[in-house]
Amino acid sequence: MMSYNKIAVAIDFSEAANKAFKKAINTAKEFDATLLIVHVVDTKSFGSIAAYDLKYAEELKVKAKEELERLKKVALEEGVAQVETLVEEGAAKTILTSLPEVDLIICGATGYSKIEKLMLGSVAERIVRHSPYDVLVVR
């Protein structure tokens, strides 16, 4: 039977990510694994004015860190023994497929609207195709 020591869950604050978070809690408890809650501030989608981008990205990171701390408390209260958080800047597709020391990543099937998926591509699809670790996509 496969065993997981560190499980990452991708959080973009969508309904699909909420479902993935719940599944990640249960899976981390089942395997007595560390849960890594990850959010990526997608700076690739920002406009071209660099000065505003940096300020806006920092504001998003601060808000995301606060929300991930709230999720960390939820996971601990639900019985996950070890919980870590990570907020990164860049392309979600790239960062989520290069997390160190992760055995499994759990993500929602989609966090974008149908129109955005057509233009940007699916992060979940990228993770499935390029991840060096196991992937669980939650619907």
Protein backbone atom coordinates (compact mmCIF):
# COMPACT_ATOMS: atom_id res chain seq x y z
CA MET A 1 0.00 0.00 0.00
CA MET A 2 1.21 3.48 -0.89
CA SER A 3 2.20 5.71 2.03
CA TYR A 4 2.38 9.50 1.98
CA ASN A 5 4.56 11.54 4.33
CA LYS A 6 3.84 15.03 3.00
CA ILE A 7 0.64 16.00 1.22
CA ALA A 8 0.22 19.38 -0.48
CA VAL A 9 -3.14 20.95 -1.21
CA ALA A 10 -3.46 23.75 -3.76
CA ILE A 11 -5.69 26.56 -2.52
CA ASP A 12 -7.02 29.33 -4.76
CA PHE A 13 -9.99 30.09 -2.48
CA SER A 14 -12.52 28.67 -4.96
CA GLU A 15 -15.27 26.17 -4.14
CA ALA A 16 -13.24 23.43 -5.83
CA ALA A 17 -10.26 24.28 -3.61
CA ASN A 18 -12.49 24.05 -0.53
CA LYS A 19 -13.47 20.52 -1.54
CA ALA A 20 -9.81 19.65 -2.14
CA PHE A 21 -8.92 21.05 1.30
CA LYS A 22 -11.48 18.81 3.01
CA LYS A 23 -10.15 15.78 1.13
CA ALA A 24 -6.57 16.76 2.02
CA ILE A 25 -7.43 16.91 5.72
CA ASN A 26 -8.92 13.41 5.62
CA THR A 27 -6.02 12.02 3.59
CA ALA A 28 -3.38 13.59 5.85
CA LYS A 29 -5.09 12.09 8.89
CA GLU A 30 -5.36 8.68 7.20
CA PHE A 31 -1.62 8.56 6.45
CA ASP A 32 -0.50 10.56 9.51
CA ALA A 33 1.16 12.88 7.01
CA THR A 34 2.24 16.50 7.13
CA LEU A 35 -0.23 18.74 5.31
CA LEU A 36 1.22 21.59 3.24
CA ILE A 37 -1.37 24.22 2.32
CA VAL A 38 -0.16 26.11 -0.77
CA HIS A 39 -1.40 29.29 -2.44
CA VAL A 40 0.24 30.87 -5.48
CA VAL A 41 -0.15 34.57 -6.23
CA ASP A 42 -0.26 34.35 -10.02
CA THR A 43 1.91 37.32 -10.98
CA LYS A 44 1.96 36.14 -14.60
CA SER A 45 -1.63 37.38 -14.98
CA PHE A 46 -0.88 40.91 -13.76
CA GLY A 47 -0.74 43.95 -16.03
CA SER A 48 2.47 45.40 -17.39
CA ILE A 49 3.04 48.22 -14.89
CA ALA A 50 5.76 46.75 -12.67
CA ALA A 51 5.49 49.21 -9.74
CA TYR A 52 1.81 48.47 -9.25
CA ASP A 53 2.35 44.76 -9.75
CA LEU A 54 4.81 44.53 -6.85
CA LYS A 55 2.55 46.41 -4.44
CA TYR A 56 -0.52 44.45 -5.51
CA ALA A 57 1.33 41.13 -5.29
CA GLU A 58 2.49 41.95 -1.76
CA GLU A 59 -1.07 42.83 -0.69
CA LEU A 60 -2.33 39.54 -2.13
CA LYS A 61 0.43 37.62 -0.34
CA VAL A 62 -0.46 39.20 3.02
CA LYS A 63 -4.15 38.36 2.59
CA ALA A 64 -3.33 34.82 1.43
CA LYS A 65 -1.03 34.22 4.42
CA GLU A 66 -3.80 35.30 6.78
CA GLU A 67 -6.30 32.99 5.11
CA LEU A 68 -3.86 30.06 5.06
CA GLU A 69 -3.25 30.53 8.79
CA ARG A 70 -7.01 30.25 9.29
CA LEU A 71 -7.06 27.05 7.21
CA LYS A 72 -4.09 25.73 9.19
CA LYS A 73 -6.07 26.15 12.41
CA VAL A 74 -9.01 24.31 10.86
CA ALA A 75 -6.78 21.40 9.82
CA LEU A 76 -5.20 21.20 13.28
CA GLU A 77 -8.63 21.28 14.93
CA GLU A 78 -9.75 18.47 12.59
CA GLY A 79 -6.88 16.30 13.82
CA VAL A 80 -4.03 16.78 11.35
CA ALA A 81 -0.86 16.50 13.47
CA GLN A 82 1.51 18.62 11.35
CA VAL A 83 0.41 21.52 9.12
CA GLU A 84 2.57 23.94 7.12
CA THR A 85 1.62 26.84 4.86
CA LEU A 86 3.32 28.27 1.81
CA VAL A 87 2.53 31.36 -0.26
CA GLU A 88 4.54 31.80 -3.46
CA GLU A 89 4.54 34.25 -6.37
CA GLY A 90 4.72 33.21 -9.99
CA ALA A 91 2.95 30.80 -12.28
CA ALA A 92 0.78 28.36 -10.32
CA LYS A 93 1.33 25.64 -12.90
CA THR A 94 5.10 25.79 -12.44
CA ILE A 95 5.24 26.16 -8.68
CA LEU A 96 2.71 23.43 -7.94
CA THR A 97 4.68 20.91 -10.00
CA SER A 98 7.97 21.64 -8.25
CA LEU A 99 7.18 21.51 -4.53
CA PRO A 100 10.04 19.93 -2.57
CA GLU A 101 9.61 16.78 -0.49
CA VAL A 102 5.95 16.27 -1.45
CA ASP A 103 4.52 12.78 -2.03
CA LEU A 104 1.01 13.77 -3.11
CA ILE A 105 -0.70 16.94 -4.28
CA ILE A 106 -4.44 17.40 -4.01
CA CYS A 107 -6.21 20.05 -6.06
CA GLY A 108 -9.67 21.00 -7.20
CA ALA A 109 -10.74 20.05 -10.70
CA THR A 110 -11.04 23.72 -11.61
CA GLY A 111 -10.73 27.05 -9.90
CA TYR A 112 -11.24 29.22 -12.96
CA SER A 113 -14.34 30.10 -14.91
CA LYS A 114 -14.92 28.31 -18.22
CA ILE A 115 -13.77 31.34 -20.20
CA GLU A 116 -10.57 31.70 -18.19
CA LYS A 117 -9.82 27.99 -18.62
CA LEU A 118 -10.00 28.42 -22.39
CA MET A 119 -7.55 31.32 -22.29
CA LEU A 120 -5.18 30.18 -19.52
CA GLY A 121 -5.38 26.41 -19.58
CA SER A 122 -6.15 24.27 -16.58
CA VAL A 123 -3.80 24.31 -13.60
CA ALA A 124 -5.15 20.91 -12.57
CA GLU A 125 -4.37 19.51 -16.01
CA ARG A 126 -0.83 20.87 -15.86
CA ILE A 127 -0.30 19.33 -12.43
CA VAL A 128 -1.53 15.93 -13.63
CA ARG A 129 0.67 16.00 -16.74
CA HIS A 130 3.88 17.37 -15.20
CA SER A 131 3.91 16.49 -11.51
CA PRO A 132 6.71 14.22 -10.30
CA TYR A 133 4.49 13.09 -7.42
CA ASP A 134 1.05 11.51 -7.17
CA VAL A 135 -1.93 13.77 -7.90
CA LEU A 136 -5.49 13.60 -6.64
CA VAL A 137 -7.96 15.84 -8.43
CA VAL A 138 -11.14 16.44 -6.44
CA ARG A 139 -14.50 17.22 -8.07
